[in-house]
Amino acid sequence: MYQNNYTAIIKQDNDCWIGWIEEVPGVNCQEYSKEELLISLKITLEELLELNREDAIGFAGKNYQEELVCV
């Protein structure tokens, strides 16, 4: 599996911490501590990326190729 870096945007909002991943829509979490928030964001991001991979491979059907795209 590839290792990539993503940017977590986080802030304290009253008694909670809220955050989201800048580069990936739909990855957002809320926790009571900054540490818990960062863990939740990482887990949520990993799960979403895996679901996206499974969907992409499912849509490709048979005889597909994978190519690494770097930006």
C-alpha atoms as a PDB file:
ATOM      1  CA  MET A   1       0.000   0.000   0.000  1.00  0.00           C
ATOM      2  CA  TYR A   2       1.191   3.501  -0.757  1.00  0.00           C
ATOM      3  CA  GLN A   3       1.846   5.985   2.001  1.00  0.00           C
ATOM      4  CA  ASN A   4       0.562   9.470   1.342  1.00  0.00           C
ATOM      5  CA  ASN A   5       0.352  12.611   3.408  1.00  0.00           C
ATOM      6  CA  TYR A   6      -2.884  14.489   3.940  1.00  0.00           C
ATOM      7  CA  THR A   7      -3.716  17.729   5.723  1.00  0.00           C
ATOM      8  CA  ALA A   8      -6.005  17.654   8.754  1.00  0.00           C
ATOM      9  CA  ILE A   9      -7.780  20.937   9.437  1.00  0.00           C
ATOM     10  CA  ILE A  10      -8.697  20.917  13.136  1.00  0.00           C
ATOM     11  CA  LYS A  11     -10.073  23.315  15.702  1.00  0.00           C
ATOM     12  CA  GLN A  12     -11.516  23.322  19.168  1.00  0.00           C
ATOM     13  CA  ASP A  13     -15.232  24.084  19.238  1.00  0.00           C
ATOM     14  CA  ASN A  14     -16.464  24.528  22.812  1.00  0.00           C
ATOM     15  CA  ASP A  15     -15.916  21.175  24.588  1.00  0.00           C
ATOM     16  CA  CYS A  16     -15.095  19.248  21.400  1.00  0.00           C
ATOM     17  CA  TRP A  17     -12.492  19.119  18.686  1.00  0.00           C
ATOM     18  CA  ILE A  18     -13.693  19.047  15.079  1.00  0.00           C
ATOM     19  CA  GLY A  19     -11.692  18.369  11.965  1.00  0.00           C
ATOM     20  CA  TRP A  20     -11.637  17.249   8.375  1.00  0.00           C
ATOM     21  CA  ILE A  21      -9.133  16.169   5.751  1.00  0.00           C
ATOM     22  CA  GLU A  22      -8.516  19.022   3.343  1.00  0.00           C
ATOM     23  CA  GLU A  23      -7.823  16.894   0.273  1.00  0.00           C
ATOM     24  CA  VAL A  24     -10.624  14.314   0.642  1.00  0.00           C
ATOM     25  CA  PRO A  25     -14.270  15.382   0.831  1.00  0.00           C
ATOM     26  CA  GLY A  26     -16.368  13.454   3.310  1.00  0.00           C
ATOM     27  CA  VAL A  27     -13.657  12.788   5.890  1.00  0.00           C
ATOM     28  CA  ASN A  28     -14.708  14.738   8.966  1.00  0.00           C
ATOM     29  CA  CYS A  29     -14.872  13.844  12.641  1.00  0.00           C
ATOM     30  CA  GLN A  30     -15.630  15.202  16.095  1.00  0.00           C
ATOM     31  CA  GLU A  31     -14.032  14.068  19.371  1.00  0.00           C
ATOM     32  CA  TYR A  32     -13.467  15.332  22.912  1.00  0.00           C
ATOM     33  CA  SER A  33      -9.683  15.567  22.602  1.00  0.00           C
ATOM     34  CA  LYS A  34      -7.234  16.559  19.890  1.00  0.00           C
ATOM     35  CA  GLU A  35      -5.486  13.191  20.112  1.00  0.00           C
ATOM     36  CA  GLU A  36      -8.758  11.263  19.698  1.00  0.00           C
ATOM     37  CA  LEU A  37      -9.700  13.490  16.774  1.00  0.00           C
ATOM     38  CA  LEU A  38      -6.466  12.809  14.901  1.00  0.00           C
ATOM     39  CA  ILE A  39      -6.895   9.064  15.416  1.00  0.00           C
ATOM     40  CA  SER A  40     -10.514   9.201  14.204  1.00  0.00           C
ATOM     41  CA  LEU A  41      -9.559  11.236  11.149  1.00  0.00           C
ATOM     42  CA  LYS A  42      -6.847   8.726  10.225  1.00  0.00           C
ATOM     43  CA  ILE A  43      -9.160   5.733  10.645  1.00  0.00           C
ATOM     44  CA  THR A  44     -11.968   7.419   8.689  1.00  0.00           C
ATOM     45  CA  LEU A  45      -9.575   8.408   5.891  1.00  0.00           C
ATOM     46  CA  GLU A  46      -8.162   4.869   5.646  1.00  0.00           C
ATOM     47  CA  GLU A  47     -11.665   3.383   5.501  1.00  0.00           C
ATOM     48  CA  LEU A  48     -12.850   5.822   2.838  1.00  0.00           C
ATOM     49  CA  LEU A  49      -9.787   5.274   0.663  1.00  0.00           C
ATOM     50  CA  GLU A  50     -10.232   1.488   0.890  1.00  0.00           C
ATOM     51  CA  LEU A  51     -13.913   1.773  -0.068  1.00  0.00           C
ATOM     52  CA  ASN A  52     -12.961   3.997  -3.012  1.00  0.00           C
ATOM     53  CA  ARG A  53     -10.352   1.424  -4.128  1.00  0.00           C
ATOM     54  CA  GLU A  54     -12.874  -1.405  -3.928  1.00  0.00           C
ATOM     55  CA  ASP A  55     -15.434   0.620  -5.907  1.00  0.00           C
ATOM     56  CA  ALA A  56     -12.911   1.555  -8.595  1.00  0.00           C
ATOM     57  CA  ILE A  57     -11.785  -2.051  -9.060  1.00  0.00           C
ATOM     58  CA  GLY A  58     -15.388  -3.223  -9.075  1.00  0.00           C
ATOM     59  CA  PHE A  59     -16.330  -0.732 -11.781  1.00  0.00           C
ATOM     60  CA  ALA A  60     -13.273  -1.667 -13.876  1.00  0.00           C
ATOM     61  CA  GLY A  61     -14.374  -5.260 -14.282  1.00  0.00           C
ATOM     62  CA  LYS A  62     -11.809  -7.563 -15.903  1.00  0.00           C
ATOM     63  CA  ASN A  63      -8.590  -6.856 -17.792  1.00  0.00           C
ATOM     64  CA  TYR A  64      -7.780  -3.547 -16.118  1.00  0.00           C
ATOM     65  CA  GLN A  65      -4.389  -2.024 -15.388  1.00  0.00           C
ATOM     66  CA  GLU A  66      -3.227   0.018 -12.431  1.00  0.00           C
ATOM     67  CA  GLU A  67      -0.884   2.956 -12.983  1.00  0.00           C
ATOM     68  CA  LEU A  68       0.690   5.157 -10.330  1.00  0.00           C
ATOM     69  CA  VAL A  69      -0.106   8.847 -10.837  1.00  0.00           C
ATOM     70  CA  CYS A  70       2.053  11.323  -8.941  1.00  0.00           C
ATOM     71  CA  VAL A  71       1.142  14.964  -8.495  1.00  0.00           C
END
